[in-house]
PDBML (XML) file of the C-alpha atoms, coordinates in Angstrom:
<?xml version="1.0" encoding="UTF-8" ?>
<PDBx:datablock datablockName="MODEL"
   xmlns:PDBx="http://pdbml.pdb.org/schema/pdbx-v50.xsd"
   xmlns:xsi="http://www.w3.org/2001/XMLSchema-instance"
   xsi:schemaLocation="http://pdbml.pdb.org/schema/pdbx-v50.xsd pdbx-v50.xsd">
   <PDBx:atom_siteCategory>
      <PDBx:atom_site id="1">
         <PDBx:B_iso_or_equiv>0.00</PDBx:B_iso_or_equiv>
         <PDBx:Cartn_x>-8.097</PDBx:Cartn_x>
         <PDBx:Cartn_y>1.108</PDBx:Cartn_y>
         <PDBx:Cartn_z>-13.907</PDBx:Cartn_z>
         <PDBx:auth_asym_id>A</PDBx:auth_asym_id>
         <PDBx:auth_atom_id>CA</PDBx:auth_atom_id>
         <PDBx:auth_comp_id>LEU</PDBx:auth_comp_id>
         <PDBx:auth_seq_id>1</PDBx:auth_seq_id>
         <PDBx:group_PDB>ATOM</PDBx:group_PDB>
         <PDBx:label_alt_id xsi:nil="true" />
         <PDBx:label_asym_id>A</PDBx:label_asym_id>
         <PDBx:label_atom_id>CA</PDBx:label_atom_id>
         <PDBx:label_comp_id>LEU</PDBx:label_comp_id>
         <PDBx:label_entity_id>1</PDBx:label_entity_id>
         <PDBx:label_seq_id>1</PDBx:label_seq_id>
         <PDBx:occupancy>1.00</PDBx:occupancy>
         <PDBx:pdbx_PDB_model_num>1</PDBx:pdbx_PDB_model_num>
         <PDBx:type_symbol>C</PDBx:type_symbol>
      </PDBx:atom_site>
      <PDBx:atom_site id="2">
         <PDBx:B_iso_or_equiv>0.00</PDBx:B_iso_or_equiv>
         <PDBx:Cartn_x>-5.412</PDBx:Cartn_x>
         <PDBx:Cartn_y>3.567</PDBx:Cartn_y>
         <PDBx:Cartn_z>-13.235</PDBx:Cartn_z>
         <PDBx:auth_asym_id>A</PDBx:auth_asym_id>
         <PDBx:auth_atom_id>CA</PDBx:auth_atom_id>
         <PDBx:auth_comp_id>LEU</PDBx:auth_comp_id>
         <PDBx:auth_seq_id>2</PDBx:auth_seq_id>
         <PDBx:group_PDB>ATOM</PDBx:group_PDB>
         <PDBx:label_alt_id xsi:nil="true" />
         <PDBx:label_asym_id>A</PDBx:label_asym_id>
         <PDBx:label_atom_id>CA</PDBx:label_atom_id>
         <PDBx:label_comp_id>LEU</PDBx:label_comp_id>
         <PDBx:label_entity_id>1</PDBx:label_entity_id>
         <PDBx:label_seq_id>2</PDBx:label_seq_id>
         <PDBx:occupancy>1.00</PDBx:occupancy>
         <PDBx:pdbx_PDB_model_num>1</PDBx:pdbx_PDB_model_num>
         <PDBx:type_symbol>C</PDBx:type_symbol>
      </PDBx:atom_site>
      <PDBx:atom_site id="3">
         <PDBx:B_iso_or_equiv>0.00</PDBx:B_iso_or_equiv>
         <PDBx:Cartn_x>-7.946</PDBx:Cartn_x>
         <PDBx:Cartn_y>6.088</PDBx:Cartn_y>
         <PDBx:Cartn_z>-11.093</PDBx:Cartn_z>
         <PDBx:auth_asym_id>A</PDBx:auth_asym_id>
         <PDBx:auth_atom_id>CA</PDBx:auth_atom_id>
         <PDBx:auth_comp_id>ASP</PDBx:auth_comp_id>
         <PDBx:auth_seq_id>3</PDBx:auth_seq_id>
         <PDBx:group_PDB>ATOM</PDBx:group_PDB>
         <PDBx:label_alt_id xsi:nil="true" />
         <PDBx:label_asym_id>A</PDBx:label_asym_id>
         <PDBx:label_atom_id>CA</PDBx:label_atom_id>
         <PDBx:label_comp_id>ASP</PDBx:label_comp_id>
         <PDBx:label_entity_id>1</PDBx:label_entity_id>
         <PDBx:label_seq_id>3</PDBx:label_seq_id>
         <PDBx:occupancy>1.00</PDBx:occupancy>
         <PDBx:pdbx_PDB_model_num>1</PDBx:pdbx_PDB_model_num>
         <PDBx:type_symbol>C</PDBx:type_symbol>
      </PDBx:atom_site>
      <PDBx:atom_site id="4">
         <PDBx:B_iso_or_equiv>0.00</PDBx:B_iso_or_equiv>
         <PDBx:Cartn_x>-9.046</PDBx:Cartn_x>
         <PDBx:Cartn_y>2.820</PDBx:Cartn_y>
         <PDBx:Cartn_z>-9.273</PDBx:Cartn_z>
         <PDBx:auth_asym_id>A</PDBx:auth_asym_id>
         <PDBx:auth_atom_id>CA</PDBx:auth_atom_id>
         <PDBx:auth_comp_id>VAL</PDBx:auth_comp_id>
         <PDBx:auth_seq_id>4</PDBx:auth_seq_id>
         <PDBx:group_PDB>ATOM</PDBx:group_PDB>
         <PDBx:label_alt_id xsi:nil="true" />
         <PDBx:label_asym_id>A</PDBx:label_asym_id>
         <PDBx:label_atom_id>CA</PDBx:label_atom_id>
         <PDBx:label_comp_id>VAL</PDBx:label_comp_id>
         <PDBx:label_entity_id>1</PDBx:label_entity_id>
         <PDBx:label_seq_id>4</PDBx:label_seq_id>
         <PDBx:occupancy>1.00</PDBx:occupancy>
         <PDBx:pdbx_PDB_model_num>1</PDBx:pdbx_PDB_model_num>
         <PDBx:type_symbol>C</PDBx:type_symbol>
      </PDBx:atom_site>
      <PDBx:atom_site id="5">
         <PDBx:B_iso_or_equiv>0.00</PDBx:B_iso_or_equiv>
         <PDBx:Cartn_x>-5.725</PDBx:Cartn_x>
         <PDBx:Cartn_y>1.699</PDBx:Cartn_y>
         <PDBx:Cartn_z>-8.013</PDBx:Cartn_z>
         <PDBx:auth_asym_id>A</PDBx:auth_asym_id>
         <PDBx:auth_atom_id>CA</PDBx:auth_atom_id>
         <PDBx:auth_comp_id>ASN</PDBx:auth_comp_id>
         <PDBx:auth_seq_id>5</PDBx:auth_seq_id>
         <PDBx:group_PDB>ATOM</PDBx:group_PDB>
         <PDBx:label_alt_id xsi:nil="true" />
         <PDBx:label_asym_id>A</PDBx:label_asym_id>
         <PDBx:label_atom_id>CA</PDBx:label_atom_id>
         <PDBx:label_comp_id>ASN</PDBx:label_comp_id>
         <PDBx:label_entity_id>1</PDBx:label_entity_id>
         <PDBx:label_seq_id>5</PDBx:label_seq_id>
         <PDBx:occupancy>1.00</PDBx:occupancy>
         <PDBx:pdbx_PDB_model_num>1</PDBx:pdbx_PDB_model_num>
         <PDBx:type_symbol>C</PDBx:type_symbol>
      </PDBx:atom_site>
      <PDBx:atom_site id="6">
         <PDBx:B_iso_or_equiv>0.00</PDBx:B_iso_or_equiv>
         <PDBx:Cartn_x>-4.730</PDBx:Cartn_x>
         <PDBx:Cartn_y>5.363</PDBx:Cartn_y>
         <PDBx:Cartn_z>-7.397</PDBx:Cartn_z>
         <PDBx:auth_asym_id>A</PDBx:auth_asym_id>
         <PDBx:auth_atom_id>CA</PDBx:auth_atom_id>
         <PDBx:auth_comp_id>SER</PDBx:auth_comp_id>
         <PDBx:auth_seq_id>6</PDBx:auth_seq_id>
         <PDBx:group_PDB>ATOM</PDBx:group_PDB>
         <PDBx:label_alt_id xsi:nil="true" />
         <PDBx:label_asym_id>A</PDBx:label_asym_id>
         <PDBx:label_atom_id>CA</PDBx:label_atom_id>
         <PDBx:label_comp_id>SER</PDBx:label_comp_id>
         <PDBx:label_entity_id>1</PDBx:label_entity_id>
         <PDBx:label_seq_id>6</PDBx:label_seq_id>
         <PDBx:occupancy>1.00</PDBx:occupancy>
         <PDBx:pdbx_PDB_model_num>1</PDBx:pdbx_PDB_model_num>
         <PDBx:type_symbol>C</PDBx:type_symbol>
      </PDBx:atom_site>
      <PDBx:atom_site id="7">
         <PDBx:B_iso_or_equiv>0.00</PDBx:B_iso_or_equiv>
         <PDBx:Cartn_x>-7.523</PDBx:Cartn_x>
         <PDBx:Cartn_y>5.522</PDBx:Cartn_y>
         <PDBx:Cartn_z>-4.949</PDBx:Cartn_z>
         <PDBx:auth_asym_id>A</PDBx:auth_asym_id>
         <PDBx:auth_atom_id>CA</PDBx:auth_atom_id>
         <PDBx:auth_comp_id>THR</PDBx:auth_comp_id>
         <PDBx:auth_seq_id>7</PDBx:auth_seq_id>
         <PDBx:group_PDB>ATOM</PDBx:group_PDB>
         <PDBx:label_alt_id xsi:nil="true" />
         <PDBx:label_asym_id>A</PDBx:label_asym_id>
         <PDBx:label_atom_id>CA</PDBx:label_atom_id>
         <PDBx:label_comp_id>THR</PDBx:label_comp_id>
         <PDBx:label_entity_id>1</PDBx:label_entity_id>
         <PDBx:label_seq_id>7</PDBx:label_seq_id>
         <PDBx:occupancy>1.00</PDBx:occupancy>
         <PDBx:pdbx_PDB_model_num>1</PDBx:pdbx_PDB_model_num>
         <PDBx:type_symbol>C</PDBx:type_symbol>
      </PDBx:atom_site>
      <PDBx:atom_site id="8">
         <PDBx:B_iso_or_equiv>0.00</PDBx:B_iso_or_equiv>
         <PDBx:Cartn_x>-6.988</PDBx:Cartn_x>
         <PDBx:Cartn_y>2.423</PDBx:Cartn_y>
         <PDBx:Cartn_z>-3.760</PDBx:Cartn_z>
         <PDBx:auth_asym_id>A</PDBx:auth_asym_id>
         <PDBx:auth_atom_id>CA</PDBx:auth_atom_id>
         <PDBx:auth_comp_id>LYS</PDBx:auth_comp_id>
         <PDBx:auth_seq_id>8</PDBx:auth_seq_id>
         <PDBx:group_PDB>ATOM</PDBx:group_PDB>
         <PDBx:label_alt_id xsi:nil="true" />
         <PDBx:label_asym_id>A</PDBx:label_asym_id>
         <PDBx:label_atom_id>CA</PDBx:label_atom_id>
         <PDBx:label_comp_id>LYS</PDBx:label_comp_id>
         <PDBx:label_entity_id>1</PDBx:label_entity_id>
         <PDBx:label_seq_id>8</PDBx:label_seq_id>
         <PDBx:occupancy>1.00</PDBx:occupancy>
         <PDBx:pdbx_PDB_model_num>1</PDBx:pdbx_PDB_model_num>
         <PDBx:type_symbol>C</PDBx:type_symbol>
      </PDBx:atom_site>
      <PDBx:atom_site id="9">
         <PDBx:B_iso_or_equiv>0.00</PDBx:B_iso_or_equiv>
         <PDBx:Cartn_x>-3.523</PDBx:Cartn_x>
         <PDBx:Cartn_y>3.491</PDBx:Cartn_y>
         <PDBx:Cartn_z>-3.281</PDBx:Cartn_z>
         <PDBx:auth_asym_id>A</PDBx:auth_asym_id>
         <PDBx:auth_atom_id>CA</PDBx:auth_atom_id>
         <PDBx:auth_comp_id>SER</PDBx:auth_comp_id>
         <PDBx:auth_seq_id>9</PDBx:auth_seq_id>
         <PDBx:group_PDB>ATOM</PDBx:group_PDB>
         <PDBx:label_alt_id xsi:nil="true" />
         <PDBx:label_asym_id>A</PDBx:label_asym_id>
         <PDBx:label_atom_id>CA</PDBx:label_atom_id>
         <PDBx:label_comp_id>SER</PDBx:label_comp_id>
         <PDBx:label_entity_id>1</PDBx:label_entity_id>
         <PDBx:label_seq_id>9</PDBx:label_seq_id>
         <PDBx:occupancy>1.00</PDBx:occupancy>
         <PDBx:pdbx_PDB_model_num>1</PDBx:pdbx_PDB_model_num>
         <PDBx:type_symbol>C</PDBx:type_symbol>
      </PDBx:atom_site>
      <PDBx:atom_site id="10">
         <PDBx:B_iso_or_equiv>0.00</PDBx:B_iso_or_equiv>
         <PDBx:Cartn_x>-4.190</PDBx:Cartn_x>
         <PDBx:Cartn_y>6.645</PDBx:Cartn_y>
         <PDBx:Cartn_z>-1.369</PDBx:Cartn_z>
         <PDBx:auth_asym_id>A</PDBx:auth_asym_id>
         <PDBx:auth_atom_id>CA</PDBx:auth_atom_id>
         <PDBx:auth_comp_id>VAL</PDBx:auth_comp_id>
         <PDBx:auth_seq_id>10</PDBx:auth_seq_id>
         <PDBx:group_PDB>ATOM</PDBx:group_PDB>
         <PDBx:label_alt_id xsi:nil="true" />
         <PDBx:label_asym_id>A</PDBx:label_asym_id>
         <PDBx:label_atom_id>CA</PDBx:label_atom_id>
         <PDBx:label_comp_id>VAL</PDBx:label_comp_id>
         <PDBx:label_entity_id>1</PDBx:label_entity_id>
         <PDBx:label_seq_id>10</PDBx:label_seq_id>
         <PDBx:occupancy>1.00</PDBx:occupancy>
         <PDBx:pdbx_PDB_model_num>1</PDBx:pdbx_PDB_model_num>
         <PDBx:type_symbol>C</PDBx:type_symbol>
      </PDBx:atom_site>
      <PDBx:atom_site id="11">
         <PDBx:B_iso_or_equiv>0.00</PDBx:B_iso_or_equiv>
         <PDBx:Cartn_x>-6.625</PDBx:Cartn_x>
         <PDBx:Cartn_y>4.824</PDBx:Cartn_y>
         <PDBx:Cartn_z>0.993</PDBx:Cartn_z>
         <PDBx:auth_asym_id>A</PDBx:auth_asym_id>
         <PDBx:auth_atom_id>CA</PDBx:auth_atom_id>
         <PDBx:auth_comp_id>VAL</PDBx:auth_comp_id>
         <PDBx:auth_seq_id>11</PDBx:auth_seq_id>
         <PDBx:group_PDB>ATOM</PDBx:group_PDB>
         <PDBx:label_alt_id xsi:nil="true" />
         <PDBx:label_asym_id>A</PDBx:label_asym_id>
         <PDBx:label_atom_id>CA</PDBx:label_atom_id>
         <PDBx:label_comp_id>VAL</PDBx:label_comp_id>
         <PDBx:label_entity_id>1</PDBx:label_entity_id>
         <PDBx:label_seq_id>11</PDBx:label_seq_id>
         <PDBx:occupancy>1.00</PDBx:occupancy>
         <PDBx:pdbx_PDB_model_num>1</PDBx:pdbx_PDB_model_num>
         <PDBx:type_symbol>C</PDBx:type_symbol>
      </PDBx:atom_site>
      <PDBx:atom_site id="12">
         <PDBx:B_iso_or_equiv>0.00</PDBx:B_iso_or_equiv>
         <PDBx:Cartn_x>-3.947</PDBx:Cartn_x>
         <PDBx:Cartn_y>2.409</PDBx:Cartn_y>
         <PDBx:Cartn_z>1.820</PDBx:Cartn_z>
         <PDBx:auth_asym_id>A</PDBx:auth_asym_id>
         <PDBx:auth_atom_id>CA</PDBx:auth_atom_id>
         <PDBx:auth_comp_id>ALA</PDBx:auth_comp_id>
         <PDBx:auth_seq_id>12</PDBx:auth_seq_id>
         <PDBx:group_PDB>ATOM</PDBx:group_PDB>
         <PDBx:label_alt_id xsi:nil="true" />
         <PDBx:label_asym_id>A</PDBx:label_asym_id>
         <PDBx:label_atom_id>CA</PDBx:label_atom_id>
         <PDBx:label_comp_id>ALA</PDBx:label_comp_id>
         <PDBx:label_entity_id>1</PDBx:label_entity_id>
         <PDBx:label_seq_id>12</PDBx:label_seq_id>
         <PDBx:occupancy>1.00</PDBx:occupancy>
         <PDBx:pdbx_PDB_model_num>1</PDBx:pdbx_PDB_model_num>
         <PDBx:type_symbol>C</PDBx:type_symbol>
      </PDBx:atom_site>
      <PDBx:atom_site id="13">
         <PDBx:B_iso_or_equiv>0.00</PDBx:B_iso_or_equiv>
         <PDBx:Cartn_x>-1.522</PDBx:Cartn_x>
         <PDBx:Cartn_y>4.828</PDBx:Cartn_y>
         <PDBx:Cartn_z>2.254</PDBx:Cartn_z>
         <PDBx:auth_asym_id>A</PDBx:auth_asym_id>
         <PDBx:auth_atom_id>CA</PDBx:auth_atom_id>
         <PDBx:auth_comp_id>SER</PDBx:auth_comp_id>
         <PDBx:auth_seq_id>13</PDBx:auth_seq_id>
         <PDBx:group_PDB>ATOM</PDBx:group_PDB>
         <PDBx:label_alt_id xsi:nil="true" />
         <PDBx:label_asym_id>A</PDBx:label_asym_id>
         <PDBx:label_atom_id>CA</PDBx:label_atom_id>
         <PDBx:label_comp_id>SER</PDBx:label_comp_id>
         <PDBx:label_entity_id>1</PDBx:label_entity_id>
         <PDBx:label_seq_id>13</PDBx:label_seq_id>
         <PDBx:occupancy>1.00</PDBx:occupancy>
         <PDBx:pdbx_PDB_model_num>1</PDBx:pdbx_PDB_model_num>
         <PDBx:type_symbol>C</PDBx:type_symbol>
      </PDBx:atom_site>
      <PDBx:atom_site id="14">
         <PDBx:B_iso_or_equiv>0.00</PDBx:B_iso_or_equiv>
         <PDBx:Cartn_x>-3.477</PDBx:Cartn_x>
         <PDBx:Cartn_y>6.787</PDBx:Cartn_y>
         <PDBx:Cartn_z>4.525</PDBx:Cartn_z>
         <PDBx:auth_asym_id>A</PDBx:auth_asym_id>
         <PDBx:auth_atom_id>CA</PDBx:auth_atom_id>
         <PDBx:auth_comp_id>ARG</PDBx:auth_comp_id>
         <PDBx:auth_seq_id>14</PDBx:auth_seq_id>
         <PDBx:group_PDB>ATOM</PDBx:group_PDB>
         <PDBx:label_alt_id xsi:nil="true" />
         <PDBx:label_asym_id>A</PDBx:label_asym_id>
         <PDBx:label_atom_id>CA</PDBx:label_atom_id>
         <PDBx:label_comp_id>ARG</PDBx:label_comp_id>
         <PDBx:label_entity_id>1</PDBx:label_entity_id>
         <PDBx:label_seq_id>14</PDBx:label_seq_id>
         <PDBx:occupancy>1.00</PDBx:occupancy>
         <PDBx:pdbx_PDB_model_num>1</PDBx:pdbx_PDB_model_num>
         <PDBx:type_symbol>C</PDBx:type_symbol>
      </PDBx:atom_site>
      <PDBx:atom_site id="15">
         <PDBx:B_iso_or_equiv>0.00</PDBx:B_iso_or_equiv>
         <PDBx:Cartn_x>-4.661</PDBx:Cartn_x>
         <PDBx:Cartn_y>3.645</PDBx:Cartn_y>
         <PDBx:Cartn_z>6.630</PDBx:Cartn_z>
         <PDBx:auth_asym_id>A</PDBx:auth_asym_id>
         <PDBx:auth_atom_id>CA</PDBx:auth_atom_id>
         <PDBx:auth_comp_id>ASN</PDBx:auth_comp_id>
         <PDBx:auth_seq_id>15</PDBx:auth_seq_id>
         <PDBx:group_PDB>ATOM</PDBx:group_PDB>
         <PDBx:label_alt_id xsi:nil="true" />
         <PDBx:label_asym_id>A</PDBx:label_asym_id>
         <PDBx:label_atom_id>CA</PDBx:label_atom_id>
         <PDBx:label_comp_id>ASN</PDBx:label_comp_id>
         <PDBx:label_entity_id>1</PDBx:label_entity_id>
         <PDBx:label_seq_id>15</PDBx:label_seq_id>
         <PDBx:occupancy>1.00</PDBx:occupancy>
         <PDBx:pdbx_PDB_model_num>1</PDBx:pdbx_PDB_model_num>
         <PDBx:type_symbol>C</PDBx:type_symbol>
      </PDBx:atom_site>
      <PDBx:atom_site id="16">
         <PDBx:B_iso_or_equiv>0.00</PDBx:B_iso_or_equiv>
         <PDBx:Cartn_x>-1.148</PDBx:Cartn_x>
         <PDBx:Cartn_y>2.748</PDBx:Cartn_y>
         <PDBx:Cartn_z>6.921</PDBx:Cartn_z>
         <PDBx:auth_asym_id>A</PDBx:auth_asym_id>
         <PDBx:auth_atom_id>CA</PDBx:auth_atom_id>
         <PDBx:auth_comp_id>GLN</PDBx:auth_comp_id>
         <PDBx:auth_seq_id>16</PDBx:auth_seq_id>
         <PDBx:group_PDB>ATOM</PDBx:group_PDB>
         <PDBx:label_alt_id xsi:nil="true" />
         <PDBx:label_asym_id>A</PDBx:label_asym_id>
         <PDBx:label_atom_id>CA</PDBx:label_atom_id>
         <PDBx:label_comp_id>GLN</PDBx:label_comp_id>
         <PDBx:label_entity_id>1</PDBx:label_entity_id>
         <PDBx:label_seq_id>16</PDBx:label_seq_id>
         <PDBx:occupancy>1.00</PDBx:occupancy>
         <PDBx:pdbx_PDB_model_num>1</PDBx:pdbx_PDB_model_num>
         <PDBx:type_symbol>C</PDBx:type_symbol>
      </PDBx:atom_site>
      <PDBx:atom_site id="17">
         <PDBx:B_iso_or_equiv>0.00</PDBx:B_iso_or_equiv>
         <PDBx:Cartn_x>-0.066</PDBx:Cartn_x>
         <PDBx:Cartn_y>6.128</PDBx:Cartn_y>
         <PDBx:Cartn_z>8.406</PDBx:Cartn_z>
         <PDBx:auth_asym_id>A</PDBx:auth_asym_id>
         <PDBx:auth_atom_id>CA</PDBx:auth_atom_id>
         <PDBx:auth_comp_id>MET</PDBx:auth_comp_id>
         <PDBx:auth_seq_id>17</PDBx:auth_seq_id>
         <PDBx:group_PDB>ATOM</PDBx:group_PDB>
         <PDBx:label_alt_id xsi:nil="true" />
         <PDBx:label_asym_id>A</PDBx:label_asym_id>
         <PDBx:label_atom_id>CA</PDBx:label_atom_id>
         <PDBx:label_comp_id>MET</PDBx:label_comp_id>
         <PDBx:label_entity_id>1</PDBx:label_entity_id>
         <PDBx:label_seq_id>17</PDBx:label_seq_id>
         <PDBx:occupancy>1.00</PDBx:occupancy>
         <PDBx:pdbx_PDB_model_num>1</PDBx:pdbx_PDB_model_num>
         <PDBx:type_symbol>C</PDBx:type_symbol>
      </PDBx:atom_site>
      <PDBx:atom_site id="18">
         <PDBx:B_iso_or_equiv>0.00</PDBx:B_iso_or_equiv>
         <PDBx:Cartn_x>-3.726</PDBx:Cartn_x>
         <PDBx:Cartn_y>6.036</PDBx:Cartn_y>
         <PDBx:Cartn_z>10.678</PDBx:Cartn_z>
         <PDBx:auth_asym_id>A</PDBx:auth_asym_id>
         <PDBx:auth_atom_id>CA</PDBx:auth_atom_id>
         <PDBx:auth_comp_id>CYS</PDBx:auth_comp_id>
         <PDBx:auth_seq_id>18</PDBx:auth_seq_id>
         <PDBx:group_PDB>ATOM</PDBx:group_PDB>
         <PDBx:label_alt_id xsi:nil="true" />
         <PDBx:label_asym_id>A</PDBx:label_asym_id>
         <PDBx:label_atom_id>CA</PDBx:label_atom_id>
         <PDBx:label_comp_id>CYS</PDBx:label_comp_id>
         <PDBx:label_entity_id>1</PDBx:label_entity_id>
         <PDBx:label_seq_id>18</PDBx:label_seq_id>
         <PDBx:occupancy>1.00</PDBx:occupancy>
         <PDBx:pdbx_PDB_model_num>1</PDBx:pdbx_PDB_model_num>
         <PDBx:type_symbol>C</PDBx:type_symbol>
      </PDBx:atom_site>
      <PDBx:atom_site id="19">
         <PDBx:B_iso_or_equiv>0.00</PDBx:B_iso_or_equiv>
         <PDBx:Cartn_x>-2.341</PDBx:Cartn_x>
         <PDBx:Cartn_y>2.834</PDBx:Cartn_y>
         <PDBx:Cartn_z>11.825</PDBx:Cartn_z>
         <PDBx:auth_asym_id>A</PDBx:auth_asym_id>
         <PDBx:auth_atom_id>CA</PDBx:auth_atom_id>
         <PDBx:auth_comp_id>TRP</PDBx:auth_comp_id>
         <PDBx:auth_seq_id>19</PDBx:auth_seq_id>
         <PDBx:group_PDB>ATOM</PDBx:group_PDB>
         <PDBx:label_alt_id xsi:nil="true" />
         <PDBx:label_asym_id>A</PDBx:label_asym_id>
         <PDBx:label_atom_id>CA</PDBx:label_atom_id>
         <PDBx:label_comp_id>TRP</PDBx:label_comp_id>
         <PDBx:label_entity_id>1</PDBx:label_entity_id>
         <PDBx:label_seq_id>19</PDBx:label_seq_id>
         <PDBx:occupancy>1.00</PDBx:occupancy>
         <PDBx:pdbx_PDB_model_num>1</PDBx:pdbx_PDB_model_num>
         <PDBx:type_symbol>C</PDBx:type_symbol>
      </PDBx:atom_site>
      <PDBx:atom_site id="20">
         <PDBx:B_iso_or_equiv>0.00</PDBx:B_iso_or_equiv>
         <PDBx:Cartn_x>1.608</PDBx:Cartn_x>
         <PDBx:Cartn_y>3.957</PDBx:Cartn_y>
         <PDBx:Cartn_z>12.713</PDBx:Cartn_z>
         <PDBx:auth_asym_id>A</PDBx:auth_asym_id>
         <PDBx:auth_atom_id>CA</PDBx:auth_atom_id>
         <PDBx:auth_comp_id>GLU</PDBx:auth_comp_id>
         <PDBx:auth_seq_id>20</PDBx:auth_seq_id>
         <PDBx:group_PDB>ATOM</PDBx:group_PDB>
         <PDBx:label_alt_id xsi:nil="true" />
         <PDBx:label_asym_id>A</PDBx:label_asym_id>
         <PDBx:label_atom_id>CA</PDBx:label_atom_id>
         <PDBx:label_comp_id>GLU</PDBx:label_comp_id>
         <PDBx:label_entity_id>1</PDBx:label_entity_id>
         <PDBx:label_seq_id>20</PDBx:label_seq_id>
         <PDBx:occupancy>1.00</PDBx:occupancy>
         <PDBx:pdbx_PDB_model_num>1</PDBx:pdbx_PDB_model_num>
         <PDBx:type_symbol>C</PDBx:type_symbol>
      </PDBx:atom_site>
      <PDBx:atom_site id="21">
         <PDBx:B_iso_or_equiv>0.00</PDBx:B_iso_or_equiv>
         <PDBx:Cartn_x>0.572</PDBx:Cartn_x>
         <PDBx:Cartn_y>6.929</PDBx:Cartn_y>
         <PDBx:Cartn_z>14.278</PDBx:Cartn_z>
         <PDBx:auth_asym_id>A</PDBx:auth_asym_id>
         <PDBx:auth_atom_id>CA</PDBx:auth_atom_id>
         <PDBx:auth_comp_id>ASN</PDBx:auth_comp_id>
         <PDBx:auth_seq_id>21</PDBx:auth_seq_id>
         <PDBx:group_PDB>ATOM</PDBx:group_PDB>
         <PDBx:label_alt_id xsi:nil="true" />
         <PDBx:label_asym_id>A</PDBx:label_asym_id>
         <PDBx:label_atom_id>CA</PDBx:label_atom_id>
         <PDBx:label_comp_id>ASN</PDBx:label_comp_id>
         <PDBx:label_entity_id>1</PDBx:label_entity_id>
         <PDBx:label_seq_id>21</PDBx:label_seq_id>
         <PDBx:occupancy>1.00</PDBx:occupancy>
         <PDBx:pdbx_PDB_model_num>1</PDBx:pdbx_PDB_model_num>
         <PDBx:type_symbol>C</PDBx:type_symbol>
      </PDBx:atom_site>
      <PDBx:atom_site id="22">
         <PDBx:B_iso_or_equiv>0.00</PDBx:B_iso_or_equiv>
         <PDBx:Cartn_x>-2.195</PDBx:Cartn_x>
         <PDBx:Cartn_y>5.107</PDBx:Cartn_y>
         <PDBx:Cartn_z>16.035</PDBx:Cartn_z>
         <PDBx:auth_asym_id>A</PDBx:auth_asym_id>
         <PDBx:auth_atom_id>CA</PDBx:auth_atom_id>
         <PDBx:auth_comp_id>LEU</PDBx:auth_comp_id>
         <PDBx:auth_seq_id>22</PDBx:auth_seq_id>
         <PDBx:group_PDB>ATOM</PDBx:group_PDB>
         <PDBx:label_alt_id xsi:nil="true" />
         <PDBx:label_asym_id>A</PDBx:label_asym_id>
         <PDBx:label_atom_id>CA</PDBx:label_atom_id>
         <PDBx:label_comp_id>LEU</PDBx:label_comp_id>
         <PDBx:label_entity_id>1</PDBx:label_entity_id>
         <PDBx:label_seq_id>22</PDBx:label_seq_id>
         <PDBx:occupancy>1.00</PDBx:occupancy>
         <PDBx:pdbx_PDB_model_num>1</PDBx:pdbx_PDB_model_num>
         <PDBx:type_symbol>C</PDBx:type_symbol>
      </PDBx:atom_site>
      <PDBx:atom_site id="23">
         <PDBx:B_iso_or_equiv>0.00</PDBx:B_iso_or_equiv>
         <PDBx:Cartn_x>0.481</PDBx:Cartn_x>
         <PDBx:Cartn_y>2.741</PDBx:Cartn_y>
         <PDBx:Cartn_z>17.344</PDBx:Cartn_z>
         <PDBx:auth_asym_id>A</PDBx:auth_asym_id>
         <PDBx:auth_atom_id>CA</PDBx:auth_atom_id>
         <PDBx:auth_comp_id>GLN</PDBx:auth_comp_id>
         <PDBx:auth_seq_id>23</PDBx:auth_seq_id>
         <PDBx:group_PDB>ATOM</PDBx:group_PDB>
         <PDBx:label_alt_id xsi:nil="true" />
         <PDBx:label_asym_id>A</PDBx:label_asym_id>
         <PDBx:label_atom_id>CA</PDBx:label_atom_id>
         <PDBx:label_comp_id>GLN</PDBx:label_comp_id>
         <PDBx:label_entity_id>1</PDBx:label_entity_id>
         <PDBx:label_seq_id>23</PDBx:label_seq_id>
         <PDBx:occupancy>1.00</PDBx:occupancy>
         <PDBx:pdbx_PDB_model_num>1</PDBx:pdbx_PDB_model_num>
         <PDBx:type_symbol>C</PDBx:type_symbol>
      </PDBx:atom_site>
      <PDBx:atom_site id="24">
         <PDBx:B_iso_or_equiv>0.00</PDBx:B_iso_or_equiv>
         <PDBx:Cartn_x>2.787</PDBx:Cartn_x>
         <PDBx:Cartn_y>5.149</PDBx:Cartn_y>
         <PDBx:Cartn_z>18.226</PDBx:Cartn_z>
         <PDBx:auth_asym_id>A</PDBx:auth_asym_id>
         <PDBx:auth_atom_id>CA</PDBx:auth_atom_id>
         <PDBx:auth_comp_id>GLN</PDBx:auth_comp_id>
         <PDBx:auth_seq_id>24</PDBx:auth_seq_id>
         <PDBx:group_PDB>ATOM</PDBx:group_PDB>
         <PDBx:label_alt_id xsi:nil="true" />
         <PDBx:label_asym_id>A</PDBx:label_asym_id>
         <PDBx:label_atom_id>CA</PDBx:label_atom_id>
         <PDBx:label_comp_id>GLN</PDBx:label_comp_id>
         <PDBx:label_entity_id>1</PDBx:label_entity_id>
         <PDBx:label_seq_id>24</PDBx:label_seq_id>
         <PDBx:occupancy>1.00</PDBx:occupancy>
         <PDBx:pdbx_PDB_model_num>1</PDBx:pdbx_PDB_model_num>
         <PDBx:type_symbol>C</PDBx:type_symbol>
      </PDBx:atom_site>
   </PDBx:atom_siteCategory>
</PDBx:datablock>
């Protein structure tokens, strides 16, 4: 469960970074 949550967190963080860089 911790690994799944960690993976989701990494994916969400990367998606957030991509979105912000694209917006900028």
